[in-house]
N, C-alpha and C. Protein backbone atom coordinates (compact mmCIF):
# COMPACT_ATOMS: atom_id res chain seq x y z
N UNK A 1 91.45 98.16 79.22
CA UNK A 1 90.89 97.89 80.53
C UNK A 1 90.37 96.47 80.57
N UNK A 2 90.73 95.70 81.63
CA UNK A 2 90.28 94.31 81.67
C UNK A 2 88.84 94.21 82.14
N UNK A 3 88.27 93.01 82.03
CA UNK A 3 86.86 92.80 82.31
C UNK A 3 86.53 93.09 83.79
N UNK A 4 87.43 92.68 84.69
CA UNK A 4 87.17 92.89 86.12
C UNK A 4 87.11 94.38 86.44
N UNK A 5 88.00 95.18 85.85
CA UNK A 5 87.95 96.61 86.07
C UNK A 5 86.66 97.19 85.53
N UNK A 6 86.20 96.73 84.38
CA UNK A 6 84.95 97.21 83.82
C UNK A 6 83.78 96.87 84.74
N UNK A 7 83.78 95.66 85.31
CA UNK A 7 82.71 95.24 86.20
C UNK A 7 82.69 96.09 87.47
N UNK A 8 83.87 96.40 87.99
CA UNK A 8 83.92 97.20 89.22
C UNK A 8 83.50 98.65 89.00
N UNK A 9 83.80 99.18 87.83
CA UNK A 9 83.35 100.54 87.48
C UNK A 9 81.83 100.53 87.28
N UNK A 10 81.32 99.49 86.65
CA UNK A 10 79.88 99.40 86.37
C UNK A 10 79.08 99.19 87.64
N UNK A 11 79.58 98.34 88.53
CA UNK A 11 78.89 98.01 89.78
C UNK A 11 79.80 98.46 90.95
N UNK A 12 79.50 99.59 91.54
CA UNK A 12 80.40 100.16 92.56
C UNK A 12 80.40 99.33 93.84
N UNK A 13 79.45 98.39 94.00
CA UNK A 13 79.43 97.58 95.21
C UNK A 13 80.04 96.21 95.00
N UNK A 14 80.53 95.94 93.82
CA UNK A 14 81.20 94.66 93.57
C UNK A 14 82.48 94.58 94.42
N UNK A 15 82.64 93.48 95.13
CA UNK A 15 83.78 93.22 96.02
C UNK A 15 83.84 94.19 97.18
N UNK A 16 82.72 94.72 97.58
CA UNK A 16 82.61 95.60 98.74
C UNK A 16 81.68 94.91 99.73
N UNK A 17 82.21 94.50 100.88
CA UNK A 17 81.48 93.64 101.76
C UNK A 17 81.20 94.34 103.10
N UNK A 18 79.93 94.48 103.43
CA UNK A 18 79.52 95.15 104.66
C UNK A 18 78.46 94.33 105.35
N UNK A 19 78.22 94.58 106.66
CA UNK A 19 77.14 93.88 107.38
C UNK A 19 75.80 94.24 106.77
N UNK A 20 74.76 93.50 107.19
CA UNK A 20 73.40 93.80 106.74
C UNK A 20 72.90 95.09 107.30
N UNK A 21 71.87 95.63 106.68
CA UNK A 21 71.26 96.89 107.11
C UNK A 21 70.78 96.79 108.57
N UNK A 22 70.16 95.69 108.94
CA UNK A 22 69.66 95.53 110.30
C UNK A 22 70.79 95.58 111.32
N UNK A 23 71.91 94.95 110.99
CA UNK A 23 73.04 94.94 111.91
C UNK A 23 73.64 96.36 112.04
N UNK A 24 73.79 97.04 110.92
CA UNK A 24 74.39 98.36 110.92
C UNK A 24 73.56 99.34 111.76
N UNK A 25 72.25 99.17 111.76
CA UNK A 25 71.36 100.07 112.52
C UNK A 25 71.62 99.99 114.01
N UNK A 26 72.21 98.91 114.46
CA UNK A 26 72.44 98.69 115.89
C UNK A 26 73.88 99.00 116.30
N UNK A 27 74.65 99.47 115.41
CA UNK A 27 76.05 99.81 115.72
C UNK A 27 76.18 101.26 116.18
N UNK A 28 77.41 101.69 116.45
CA UNK A 28 77.62 103.07 116.84
C UNK A 28 77.27 104.07 115.74
N UNK A 29 76.97 103.60 114.54
CA UNK A 29 76.59 104.51 113.47
C UNK A 29 75.26 105.20 113.75
N UNK A 30 74.50 104.72 114.71
CA UNK A 30 73.26 105.39 115.08
C UNK A 30 73.52 106.67 115.88
N UNK A 31 74.75 106.84 116.33
CA UNK A 31 75.15 108.02 117.09
C UNK A 31 75.51 109.17 116.17
N UNK A 32 75.41 110.38 116.67
CA UNK A 32 75.86 111.56 115.95
C UNK A 32 77.30 111.82 116.31
N UNK A 33 78.17 111.99 115.31
CA UNK A 33 79.59 112.20 115.54
C UNK A 33 79.94 113.69 115.52
N UNK A 34 80.81 114.07 116.44
CA UNK A 34 81.22 115.48 116.55
C UNK A 34 82.46 115.79 115.72
N UNK A 35 83.36 114.83 115.60
CA UNK A 35 84.62 115.08 114.90
C UNK A 35 84.99 113.83 114.08
N UNK A 36 85.76 114.09 113.01
CA UNK A 36 86.18 113.02 112.13
C UNK A 36 87.68 113.13 111.90
N UNK A 37 88.39 112.04 112.13
CA UNK A 37 89.85 112.03 112.04
C UNK A 37 90.29 110.85 111.19
N UNK A 38 91.23 111.11 110.31
CA UNK A 38 91.92 110.05 109.59
C UNK A 38 93.19 109.67 110.31
N UNK A 39 93.37 108.38 110.60
CA UNK A 39 94.63 107.89 111.16
C UNK A 39 95.39 107.02 110.13
N UNK A 40 95.28 107.34 108.87
CA UNK A 40 95.96 106.57 107.86
C UNK A 40 95.18 105.29 107.50
N UNK A 41 95.80 104.26 107.03
CA UNK A 41 97.22 104.08 106.82
C UNK A 41 97.68 104.57 105.44
N UNK A 42 96.71 105.06 104.69
CA UNK A 42 97.03 105.69 103.41
C UNK A 42 96.06 106.86 103.23
N UNK A 43 96.16 107.54 102.09
CA UNK A 43 95.38 108.77 101.91
C UNK A 43 93.92 108.48 101.61
N UNK A 44 93.53 107.22 101.42
CA UNK A 44 92.14 106.92 101.08
C UNK A 44 91.19 107.32 102.19
N UNK A 45 91.61 107.21 103.46
CA UNK A 45 90.76 107.62 104.58
C UNK A 45 90.34 109.08 104.48
N UNK A 46 91.33 109.95 104.34
CA UNK A 46 91.05 111.36 104.24
C UNK A 46 90.24 111.71 102.99
N UNK A 47 90.57 111.04 101.90
CA UNK A 47 89.85 111.30 100.64
C UNK A 47 88.38 110.95 100.77
N UNK A 48 88.08 109.76 101.39
CA UNK A 48 86.70 109.35 101.53
C UNK A 48 85.94 110.26 102.50
N UNK A 49 86.59 110.67 103.60
CA UNK A 49 85.93 111.60 104.51
C UNK A 49 85.63 112.94 103.82
N UNK A 50 86.60 113.41 103.03
CA UNK A 50 86.41 114.67 102.32
C UNK A 50 85.28 114.59 101.31
N UNK A 51 85.24 113.53 100.51
CA UNK A 51 84.22 113.39 99.48
C UNK A 51 82.86 113.11 100.08
N UNK A 52 82.81 112.73 101.35
CA UNK A 52 81.54 112.48 102.03
C UNK A 52 81.08 113.70 102.82
N UNK A 53 81.82 114.79 102.68
CA UNK A 53 81.52 116.04 103.39
C UNK A 53 81.63 115.90 104.91
N UNK A 54 82.50 115.03 105.36
CA UNK A 54 82.72 114.80 106.79
C UNK A 54 84.05 115.43 107.28
N UNK A 55 84.93 115.71 106.37
CA UNK A 55 86.23 116.29 106.75
C UNK A 55 86.21 117.78 106.63
N UNK A 56 86.37 118.45 107.76
CA UNK A 56 86.22 119.90 107.81
C UNK A 56 87.56 120.65 107.77
N UNK A 57 88.64 119.95 108.09
CA UNK A 57 89.93 120.62 108.16
C UNK A 57 91.07 119.60 107.95
N UNK A 58 92.20 120.10 107.55
CA UNK A 58 93.35 119.24 107.37
C UNK A 58 93.97 118.84 108.72
N UNK A 59 94.29 117.56 108.83
CA UNK A 59 94.90 117.04 110.05
C UNK A 59 96.18 116.28 109.67
N UNK A 60 97.06 116.04 110.61
CA UNK A 60 98.42 115.58 110.24
C UNK A 60 98.52 114.23 109.57
N UNK A 61 97.63 113.29 109.86
CA UNK A 61 97.79 111.95 109.31
C UNK A 61 97.02 111.74 108.00
N UNK A 62 96.38 112.81 107.48
CA UNK A 62 95.54 112.66 106.29
C UNK A 62 96.25 112.04 105.11
N UNK A 63 97.44 112.54 104.80
CA UNK A 63 98.16 112.07 103.60
C UNK A 63 99.46 111.39 103.99
N UNK A 64 99.57 110.92 105.20
CA UNK A 64 100.83 110.40 105.73
C UNK A 64 100.85 108.88 105.76
N UNK A 65 102.05 108.32 105.49
CA UNK A 65 102.25 106.88 105.63
C UNK A 65 103.52 106.63 106.46
N UNK A 66 103.37 105.83 107.53
CA UNK A 66 104.51 105.48 108.31
C UNK A 66 104.18 104.23 109.12
N UNK A 67 105.01 103.87 110.07
CA UNK A 67 104.76 102.68 110.87
C UNK A 67 103.86 103.02 112.07
N UNK A 68 103.28 101.98 112.66
CA UNK A 68 102.45 102.16 113.83
C UNK A 68 103.24 102.80 114.96
N UNK A 69 104.47 102.37 115.18
CA UNK A 69 105.27 102.94 116.27
C UNK A 69 105.52 104.44 116.04
N UNK A 70 105.70 104.82 114.78
CA UNK A 70 105.93 106.24 114.48
C UNK A 70 104.67 107.08 114.68
N UNK A 71 103.49 106.53 114.31
CA UNK A 71 102.26 107.24 114.59
C UNK A 71 102.11 107.49 116.08
N UNK A 72 102.33 106.45 116.87
CA UNK A 72 102.20 106.59 118.32
C UNK A 72 103.22 107.56 118.89
N UNK A 73 104.45 107.50 118.37
CA UNK A 73 105.47 108.43 118.85
C UNK A 73 105.09 109.88 118.56
N UNK A 74 104.52 110.13 117.39
CA UNK A 74 104.09 111.48 117.06
C UNK A 74 102.95 111.93 117.98
N UNK A 75 102.00 111.03 118.23
CA UNK A 75 100.89 111.37 119.13
C UNK A 75 101.42 111.68 120.54
N UNK A 76 102.36 110.86 120.99
CA UNK A 76 102.93 111.07 122.31
C UNK A 76 103.71 112.37 122.38
N UNK A 77 104.50 112.64 121.37
CA UNK A 77 105.26 113.90 121.33
C UNK A 77 104.33 115.09 121.22
N UNK A 78 103.22 114.95 120.49
CA UNK A 78 102.25 116.01 120.41
C UNK A 78 101.65 116.30 121.80
N UNK A 79 101.32 115.23 122.48
CA UNK A 79 100.72 115.39 123.83
C UNK A 79 101.67 116.09 124.78
N UNK A 80 102.98 115.81 124.64
CA UNK A 80 103.96 116.35 125.54
C UNK A 80 104.68 117.59 124.97
N UNK A 81 104.10 118.15 123.91
CA UNK A 81 104.64 119.35 123.28
C UNK A 81 106.12 119.18 122.91
N UNK A 82 106.43 118.05 122.31
CA UNK A 82 107.81 117.69 122.03
C UNK A 82 107.99 117.23 120.58
N UNK A 83 107.15 117.69 119.69
CA UNK A 83 107.23 117.27 118.30
C UNK A 83 108.48 117.84 117.62
N UNK A 84 109.11 117.00 116.80
CA UNK A 84 110.22 117.45 115.96
C UNK A 84 109.76 117.32 114.50
N UNK A 85 109.40 118.40 113.86
CA UNK A 85 108.80 118.35 112.54
C UNK A 85 109.75 118.82 111.45
N UNK A 86 111.02 118.54 111.65
CA UNK A 86 111.99 118.87 110.59
C UNK A 86 111.61 118.07 109.31
N UNK A 87 111.55 118.79 108.22
CA UNK A 87 111.12 118.18 106.93
C UNK A 87 112.36 117.89 106.05
N UNK A 88 112.37 116.71 105.54
CA UNK A 88 113.41 116.31 104.57
C UNK A 88 112.76 116.16 103.19
N UNK A 89 113.16 117.00 102.27
CA UNK A 89 112.58 116.99 100.93
C UNK A 89 113.47 116.16 100.00
N UNK A 90 112.82 115.26 99.30
CA UNK A 90 113.49 114.41 98.31
C UNK A 90 114.68 113.64 98.88
N UNK A 91 114.46 112.85 99.96
CA UNK A 91 115.51 111.97 100.47
C UNK A 91 115.74 110.81 99.50
N UNK A 92 116.72 109.96 99.72
CA UNK A 92 116.92 108.80 98.83
C UNK A 92 115.68 107.95 98.73
N UNK A 93 115.27 107.55 97.50
CA UNK A 93 114.06 106.77 97.32
C UNK A 93 114.10 105.46 98.11
N UNK A 94 112.91 105.06 98.59
CA UNK A 94 112.76 103.79 99.30
C UNK A 94 111.85 102.89 98.49
N UNK A 95 112.01 101.62 98.74
CA UNK A 95 111.20 100.63 97.99
C UNK A 95 109.71 100.94 98.11
N UNK A 96 109.04 100.93 97.00
CA UNK A 96 107.59 101.15 96.99
C UNK A 96 107.17 102.60 97.00
N UNK A 97 108.12 103.52 97.08
CA UNK A 97 107.75 104.91 97.13
C UNK A 97 108.06 105.58 95.78
N UNK A 98 107.16 106.42 95.35
CA UNK A 98 107.37 107.10 94.08
C UNK A 98 106.76 108.51 94.19
N UNK A 99 106.97 109.30 93.19
CA UNK A 99 106.45 110.64 93.18
C UNK A 99 107.25 111.58 94.09
N UNK A 100 106.60 112.58 94.61
CA UNK A 100 107.25 113.56 95.47
C UNK A 100 107.61 112.89 96.81
N UNK A 101 108.90 112.70 97.03
CA UNK A 101 109.33 111.99 98.24
C UNK A 101 109.74 113.01 99.28
N UNK A 102 108.84 113.28 100.20
CA UNK A 102 109.06 114.22 101.29
C UNK A 102 108.71 113.52 102.59
N UNK A 103 109.54 113.74 103.62
CA UNK A 103 109.36 113.07 104.88
C UNK A 103 109.45 114.01 106.07
N UNK A 104 108.77 113.65 107.14
CA UNK A 104 109.06 114.23 108.45
C UNK A 104 110.18 113.37 109.03
N UNK A 105 111.36 113.94 109.12
CA UNK A 105 112.57 113.17 109.27
C UNK A 105 112.60 112.27 110.52
N UNK A 106 112.30 112.83 111.68
CA UNK A 106 112.45 112.10 112.92
C UNK A 106 111.60 110.82 112.93
N UNK A 107 110.44 110.90 112.30
CA UNK A 107 109.48 109.78 112.37
C UNK A 107 109.43 108.93 111.11
N UNK A 108 110.34 109.21 110.17
CA UNK A 108 110.36 108.51 108.91
C UNK A 108 108.96 108.44 108.32
N UNK A 109 108.28 109.58 108.37
CA UNK A 109 106.87 109.65 107.95
C UNK A 109 106.78 110.25 106.53
N UNK A 110 106.31 109.46 105.62
CA UNK A 110 106.24 109.84 104.21
C UNK A 110 104.97 110.68 103.98
N UNK A 111 105.16 111.88 103.43
CA UNK A 111 104.01 112.78 103.13
C UNK A 111 104.11 113.14 101.66
N UNK A 112 103.60 112.28 100.76
CA UNK A 112 103.86 112.39 99.34
C UNK A 112 103.02 113.41 98.60
N UNK A 113 102.01 114.01 99.21
CA UNK A 113 101.10 114.88 98.45
C UNK A 113 101.24 116.36 98.80
N UNK A 114 102.43 116.77 99.20
CA UNK A 114 102.63 118.18 99.51
C UNK A 114 102.63 119.01 98.22
N UNK A 115 102.04 120.22 98.23
CA UNK A 115 101.92 120.99 97.00
C UNK A 115 103.22 121.61 96.52
N UNK A 116 104.24 121.66 97.40
CA UNK A 116 105.53 122.23 96.96
C UNK A 116 106.65 121.59 97.74
N UNK A 117 107.88 121.99 97.47
CA UNK A 117 109.05 121.44 98.12
C UNK A 117 109.68 122.39 99.14
N UNK A 118 108.92 123.33 99.61
CA UNK A 118 109.43 124.30 100.58
C UNK A 118 109.34 123.71 101.98
N UNK A 119 110.48 123.25 102.50
CA UNK A 119 110.50 122.52 103.77
C UNK A 119 109.99 123.38 104.91
N UNK A 120 110.30 124.66 104.94
CA UNK A 120 109.85 125.53 106.01
C UNK A 120 108.36 125.70 105.99
N UNK A 121 107.79 125.85 104.80
CA UNK A 121 106.34 126.03 104.71
C UNK A 121 105.62 124.74 105.08
N UNK A 122 106.15 123.62 104.67
CA UNK A 122 105.57 122.34 105.02
C UNK A 122 105.58 122.14 106.53
N UNK A 123 106.68 122.48 107.16
CA UNK A 123 106.81 122.35 108.62
C UNK A 123 105.77 123.21 109.32
N UNK A 124 105.60 124.45 108.90
CA UNK A 124 104.62 125.33 109.51
C UNK A 124 103.22 124.78 109.36
N UNK A 125 102.95 124.16 108.24
CA UNK A 125 101.62 123.58 108.02
C UNK A 125 101.40 122.42 108.99
N UNK A 126 102.40 121.58 109.17
CA UNK A 126 102.23 120.43 110.05
C UNK A 126 102.18 120.84 111.52
N UNK A 127 102.83 121.90 111.88
CA UNK A 127 102.64 122.43 113.23
C UNK A 127 101.17 122.79 113.44
N UNK A 128 100.59 123.42 112.44
CA UNK A 128 99.19 123.79 112.51
C UNK A 128 98.26 122.57 112.55
N UNK A 129 98.56 121.56 111.72
CA UNK A 129 97.73 120.36 111.69
C UNK A 129 97.76 119.64 113.03
N UNK A 130 98.94 119.53 113.64
CA UNK A 130 99.02 118.84 114.93
C UNK A 130 98.34 119.67 116.03
N UNK A 131 98.39 120.95 115.96
CA UNK A 131 97.67 121.77 116.95
C UNK A 131 96.18 121.53 116.87
N UNK A 132 95.68 121.40 115.65
CA UNK A 132 94.24 121.09 115.45
C UNK A 132 93.89 119.72 116.04
N UNK A 133 94.74 118.73 115.75
CA UNK A 133 94.46 117.40 116.26
C UNK A 133 94.48 117.36 117.78
N UNK A 134 95.47 118.03 118.38
CA UNK A 134 95.54 118.07 119.83
C UNK A 134 94.31 118.74 120.41
N UNK A 135 93.84 119.79 119.79
CA UNK A 135 92.66 120.50 120.26
C UNK A 135 91.44 119.62 120.24
N UNK A 136 91.28 118.84 119.16
CA UNK A 136 90.15 117.89 119.05
C UNK A 136 90.20 116.85 120.16
N UNK A 137 91.37 116.21 120.30
CA UNK A 137 91.52 115.14 121.26
C UNK A 137 91.47 115.64 122.71
N UNK A 138 91.83 116.89 122.90
CA UNK A 138 91.84 117.47 124.25
C UNK A 138 90.50 118.03 124.67
N UNK A 139 89.51 117.83 123.81
CA UNK A 139 88.16 118.31 124.16
C UNK A 139 87.47 117.35 125.13
N UNK A 140 86.19 117.58 125.42
CA UNK A 140 85.50 116.73 126.37
C UNK A 140 84.13 116.33 125.80
N UNK A 141 83.78 115.06 126.12
CA UNK A 141 82.44 114.54 125.83
C UNK A 141 82.05 114.59 124.36
N UNK A 142 83.03 114.38 123.51
CA UNK A 142 82.75 114.34 122.07
C UNK A 142 82.79 112.92 121.56
N UNK A 143 81.92 112.67 120.58
CA UNK A 143 81.98 111.42 119.84
C UNK A 143 82.91 111.61 118.67
N UNK A 144 84.01 110.90 118.68
CA UNK A 144 85.05 111.10 117.67
C UNK A 144 85.16 109.88 116.77
N UNK A 145 84.96 110.06 115.49
CA UNK A 145 84.97 109.02 114.48
C UNK A 145 86.38 108.97 113.91
N UNK A 146 87.04 107.82 114.07
CA UNK A 146 88.42 107.67 113.56
C UNK A 146 88.39 106.63 112.44
N UNK A 147 88.91 107.03 111.29
CA UNK A 147 88.91 106.14 110.12
C UNK A 147 90.33 105.70 109.80
N UNK A 148 90.47 104.42 109.59
CA UNK A 148 91.77 103.82 109.17
C UNK A 148 91.51 102.87 108.02
N UNK A 149 92.24 103.03 106.94
CA UNK A 149 91.97 102.18 105.78
C UNK A 149 93.27 101.64 105.19
N UNK A 150 93.16 100.49 104.59
CA UNK A 150 94.28 99.87 103.87
C UNK A 150 93.69 99.27 102.57
N UNK A 151 94.42 99.37 101.49
CA UNK A 151 93.90 98.85 100.23
C UNK A 151 93.82 97.31 100.26
N UNK A 152 94.80 96.66 100.85
CA UNK A 152 94.81 95.21 100.94
C UNK A 152 94.47 94.81 102.37
N UNK A 153 94.02 93.57 102.54
CA UNK A 153 93.69 93.07 103.87
C UNK A 153 94.93 93.11 104.75
N UNK A 154 94.79 93.72 105.89
CA UNK A 154 95.89 94.00 106.79
C UNK A 154 95.65 93.23 108.08
N UNK A 155 96.47 92.21 108.36
CA UNK A 155 96.13 91.25 109.39
C UNK A 155 96.53 91.70 110.82
N UNK A 156 97.19 92.84 110.94
CA UNK A 156 97.62 93.29 112.25
C UNK A 156 96.56 94.13 112.92
N UNK A 157 95.53 93.49 113.51
CA UNK A 157 94.46 94.19 114.15
C UNK A 157 94.92 94.89 115.44
N UNK A 158 96.10 94.57 115.90
CA UNK A 158 96.64 95.22 117.08
C UNK A 158 96.75 96.74 116.92
N UNK A 159 96.76 97.21 115.67
CA UNK A 159 96.89 98.64 115.46
C UNK A 159 95.72 99.38 116.09
N UNK A 160 94.52 98.81 116.07
CA UNK A 160 93.36 99.48 116.69
C UNK A 160 93.53 99.51 118.19
N UNK A 161 93.90 98.36 118.76
CA UNK A 161 94.12 98.32 120.21
C UNK A 161 95.13 99.37 120.65
N UNK A 162 96.19 99.49 119.88
CA UNK A 162 97.26 100.41 120.22
C UNK A 162 96.78 101.85 120.23
N UNK A 163 96.08 102.25 119.17
CA UNK A 163 95.52 103.62 119.12
C UNK A 163 94.52 103.84 120.24
N UNK A 164 93.64 102.87 120.46
CA UNK A 164 92.58 103.05 121.46
C UNK A 164 93.19 103.15 122.85
N UNK A 165 94.13 102.30 123.16
CA UNK A 165 94.76 102.36 124.50
C UNK A 165 95.46 103.69 124.72
N UNK A 166 96.14 104.20 123.67
CA UNK A 166 96.79 105.50 123.81
C UNK A 166 95.79 106.60 124.07
N UNK A 167 94.72 106.63 123.27
CA UNK A 167 93.75 107.70 123.39
C UNK A 167 93.01 107.66 124.73
N UNK A 168 92.67 106.47 125.16
CA UNK A 168 91.96 106.36 126.44
C UNK A 168 92.85 106.74 127.62
N UNK A 169 94.14 106.57 127.48
CA UNK A 169 95.05 106.92 128.54
C UNK A 169 95.38 108.43 128.52
N UNK A 170 95.72 108.92 127.33
CA UNK A 170 96.23 110.29 127.24
C UNK A 170 95.17 111.35 126.99
N UNK A 171 94.06 110.98 126.37
CA UNK A 171 92.98 111.87 126.08
C UNK A 171 91.65 111.17 126.47
N UNK A 172 91.41 111.00 127.75
CA UNK A 172 90.34 110.08 128.20
C UNK A 172 88.94 110.66 128.24
N UNK A 173 88.76 111.91 127.86
CA UNK A 173 87.49 112.57 128.08
C UNK A 173 86.52 112.52 126.89
N UNK A 174 86.85 111.74 125.90
CA UNK A 174 86.00 111.61 124.73
C UNK A 174 85.62 110.16 124.48
N UNK A 175 84.65 109.98 123.55
CA UNK A 175 84.26 108.64 123.12
C UNK A 175 84.86 108.38 121.73
N UNK A 176 85.62 107.32 121.58
CA UNK A 176 86.32 107.05 120.32
C UNK A 176 85.70 105.86 119.60
N UNK A 177 85.40 106.08 118.31
CA UNK A 177 84.77 105.02 117.50
C UNK A 177 85.63 104.83 116.25
N UNK A 178 85.96 103.57 116.00
CA UNK A 178 86.90 103.24 114.93
C UNK A 178 86.14 102.60 113.76
N UNK A 179 86.22 103.25 112.62
CA UNK A 179 85.69 102.70 111.39
C UNK A 179 86.89 102.31 110.52
N UNK A 180 87.09 101.04 110.31
CA UNK A 180 88.29 100.58 109.60
C UNK A 180 87.91 99.75 108.38
N UNK A 181 88.83 99.75 107.41
CA UNK A 181 88.62 98.99 106.17
C UNK A 181 89.85 98.13 105.94
N UNK A 182 89.61 96.84 105.87
CA UNK A 182 90.70 95.84 105.62
C UNK A 182 91.70 95.77 106.75
N UNK A 183 91.35 96.21 107.95
CA UNK A 183 92.22 96.01 109.10
C UNK A 183 91.79 94.71 109.75
N UNK A 184 92.33 93.62 109.26
CA UNK A 184 91.84 92.28 109.57
C UNK A 184 91.23 91.71 108.31
N UNK A 185 91.00 90.42 108.31
CA UNK A 185 90.53 89.72 107.11
C UNK A 185 89.04 89.46 107.07
N UNK A 186 88.33 89.90 108.14
CA UNK A 186 86.90 89.64 108.21
C UNK A 186 86.13 90.86 108.63
N UNK A 187 84.84 90.90 108.32
CA UNK A 187 83.95 91.92 108.85
C UNK A 187 83.82 91.68 110.36
N UNK A 188 84.04 92.75 111.14
CA UNK A 188 83.92 92.64 112.57
C UNK A 188 83.24 93.84 113.15
N UNK A 189 82.42 93.61 114.20
CA UNK A 189 81.70 94.72 114.85
C UNK A 189 81.76 94.53 116.35
N UNK A 190 82.13 95.60 117.04
CA UNK A 190 82.04 95.66 118.51
C UNK A 190 81.29 96.94 118.85
N UNK A 191 81.25 97.27 120.14
CA UNK A 191 80.53 98.45 120.56
C UNK A 191 81.11 99.77 120.00
N UNK A 192 82.41 99.76 119.73
CA UNK A 192 83.02 100.99 119.21
C UNK A 192 83.90 100.77 118.00
N UNK A 193 83.70 99.62 117.33
CA UNK A 193 84.50 99.33 116.13
C UNK A 193 83.64 98.68 115.05
N UNK A 194 83.95 99.09 113.82
CA UNK A 194 83.40 98.41 112.64
C UNK A 194 84.53 98.22 111.67
N UNK A 195 84.78 96.98 111.27
CA UNK A 195 85.75 96.70 110.22
C UNK A 195 85.01 96.10 109.03
N UNK A 196 85.17 96.68 107.87
CA UNK A 196 84.56 96.13 106.66
C UNK A 196 85.67 95.71 105.68
N UNK A 197 85.25 94.94 104.69
CA UNK A 197 86.22 94.40 103.72
C UNK A 197 85.94 94.97 102.35
N UNK A 198 86.93 95.59 101.77
CA UNK A 198 86.83 96.16 100.42
C UNK A 198 87.99 95.66 99.59
N UNK A 199 87.72 94.75 98.68
CA UNK A 199 88.80 94.17 97.86
C UNK A 199 88.75 94.68 96.42
N UNK A 200 88.16 95.86 96.24
CA UNK A 200 88.15 96.47 94.92
C UNK A 200 89.55 97.02 94.58
N UNK A 201 89.80 97.22 93.31
CA UNK A 201 91.09 97.77 92.89
C UNK A 201 91.15 99.28 93.16
N UNK A 202 92.34 99.77 93.42
CA UNK A 202 92.50 101.18 93.68
C UNK A 202 92.17 102.02 92.47
N UNK A 203 92.52 101.52 91.29
CA UNK A 203 92.27 102.19 90.05
C UNK A 203 92.76 101.33 88.89
N UNK A 204 92.64 101.82 87.69
CA UNK A 204 93.11 101.06 86.55
C UNK A 204 93.48 102.01 85.42
N UNK A 205 94.24 101.50 84.46
CA UNK A 205 94.57 102.28 83.27
C UNK A 205 93.64 101.91 82.12
N UNK A 206 93.21 102.92 81.39
CA UNK A 206 92.41 102.72 80.19
C UNK A 206 93.04 103.56 79.07
N UNK A 207 93.66 102.86 78.14
CA UNK A 207 94.37 103.52 77.05
C UNK A 207 95.38 104.52 77.54
N UNK A 208 96.09 104.13 78.57
CA UNK A 208 97.13 104.97 79.14
C UNK A 208 96.66 106.02 80.11
N UNK A 209 95.34 106.16 80.32
CA UNK A 209 94.80 107.13 81.26
C UNK A 209 94.41 106.43 82.56
N UNK A 210 94.86 106.97 83.67
CA UNK A 210 94.60 106.39 84.98
C UNK A 210 93.18 106.75 85.44
N UNK A 211 92.38 105.75 85.75
CA UNK A 211 91.04 105.94 86.27
C UNK A 211 91.09 105.67 87.76
N UNK A 212 90.85 106.66 88.57
CA UNK A 212 90.94 106.50 90.03
C UNK A 212 89.56 106.43 90.64
N UNK A 213 89.52 106.22 91.95
CA UNK A 213 88.27 106.23 92.68
C UNK A 213 87.50 104.95 92.72
N UNK A 214 87.99 103.89 92.07
CA UNK A 214 87.26 102.61 92.03
C UNK A 214 87.12 102.07 93.44
N UNK A 215 88.19 102.13 94.22
CA UNK A 215 88.18 101.61 95.60
C UNK A 215 87.34 102.53 96.49
N UNK A 216 87.43 103.82 96.32
CA UNK A 216 86.78 104.76 97.20
C UNK A 216 85.26 104.87 97.00
N UNK A 217 84.75 104.66 95.80
CA UNK A 217 83.37 104.94 95.48
C UNK A 217 82.34 104.32 96.44
N UNK A 218 82.42 103.02 96.71
CA UNK A 218 81.44 102.46 97.65
C UNK A 218 81.62 102.92 99.09
N UNK A 219 82.86 103.26 99.47
CA UNK A 219 83.12 103.76 100.82
C UNK A 219 82.45 105.11 100.99
N UNK A 220 82.57 105.98 100.01
CA UNK A 220 81.95 107.29 100.05
C UNK A 220 80.43 107.14 100.16
N UNK A 221 79.89 106.25 99.36
CA UNK A 221 78.43 105.97 99.41
C UNK A 221 78.03 105.49 100.80
N UNK A 222 78.80 104.61 101.39
CA UNK A 222 78.54 104.09 102.74
C UNK A 222 78.53 105.22 103.77
N UNK A 223 79.55 106.04 103.74
CA UNK A 223 79.68 107.10 104.71
C UNK A 223 78.53 108.11 104.59
N UNK A 224 78.16 108.45 103.36
CA UNK A 224 77.06 109.39 103.14
C UNK A 224 75.75 108.81 103.65
N UNK A 225 75.58 107.53 103.53
CA UNK A 225 74.32 106.89 103.88
C UNK A 225 74.17 106.67 105.38
N UNK A 226 75.27 106.26 106.03
CA UNK A 226 75.14 105.76 107.42
C UNK A 226 75.69 106.66 108.49
N UNK A 227 76.62 107.57 108.16
CA UNK A 227 77.28 108.30 109.23
C UNK A 227 76.61 109.63 109.46
N UNK A 228 76.31 109.89 110.76
CA UNK A 228 75.62 111.13 111.13
C UNK A 228 76.62 112.13 111.70
N UNK A 229 76.53 113.34 111.19
CA UNK A 229 77.45 114.39 111.58
C UNK A 229 76.75 115.47 112.33
N UNK A 230 77.34 115.89 113.46
CA UNK A 230 76.79 117.00 114.20
C UNK A 230 76.99 118.31 113.41
N UNK A 231 75.92 119.02 113.24
CA UNK A 231 76.01 120.27 112.49
C UNK A 231 76.26 121.41 113.47
N UNK A 232 77.44 122.02 113.36
CA UNK A 232 77.83 123.08 114.25
C UNK A 232 77.13 124.38 113.91
N UNK A 233 76.64 125.06 114.95
CA UNK A 233 75.90 126.31 114.73
C UNK A 233 76.81 127.51 114.90
């Protein structure tokens, strides 16, 4: 294990950049959130929500990776009851993809963490996940916390505008708040957005053993400390 990895394991806030405490107190984090949704762009969002006790159920984008246009097409098809969730198990490998290669065919959506290779079972699960998501978005007067994360700095901030515009048009009866990590190269705060910068490593090898969670640890601490969750009775 190199020295930088050791330093990041020792100090979980190393290379984790957030606004000051005083600034954070004035953001939407002072509000109580009713629902929590991961919109990708990798599995870290869902993992961090789960480890922070904020994720109550599986939703379709938790472990999914695809393009922005495909995310929006799926949301649009969900809204119009026109989803095509045919599953393709073990298609030809693509650059950068490894492990269990399973896709939702129409949307070229990679879902690498499925517990088995049963395409019919996977399809039924994703029908259920999309029904849950639609139910959440189709509710009224809820504060909905949407998390989007990328391991590296991702300069296409248009992704937030695109999701927000879609939600405000198609599901206009809720309040949407975006908590993003590395979506853009700077810390940014607006009335309904917070972008922080996390340049920690995803994990490292130590004598051939993979040590995970290095990137997630400060995010989980942040969520536990600052995010308020409505307790359902």
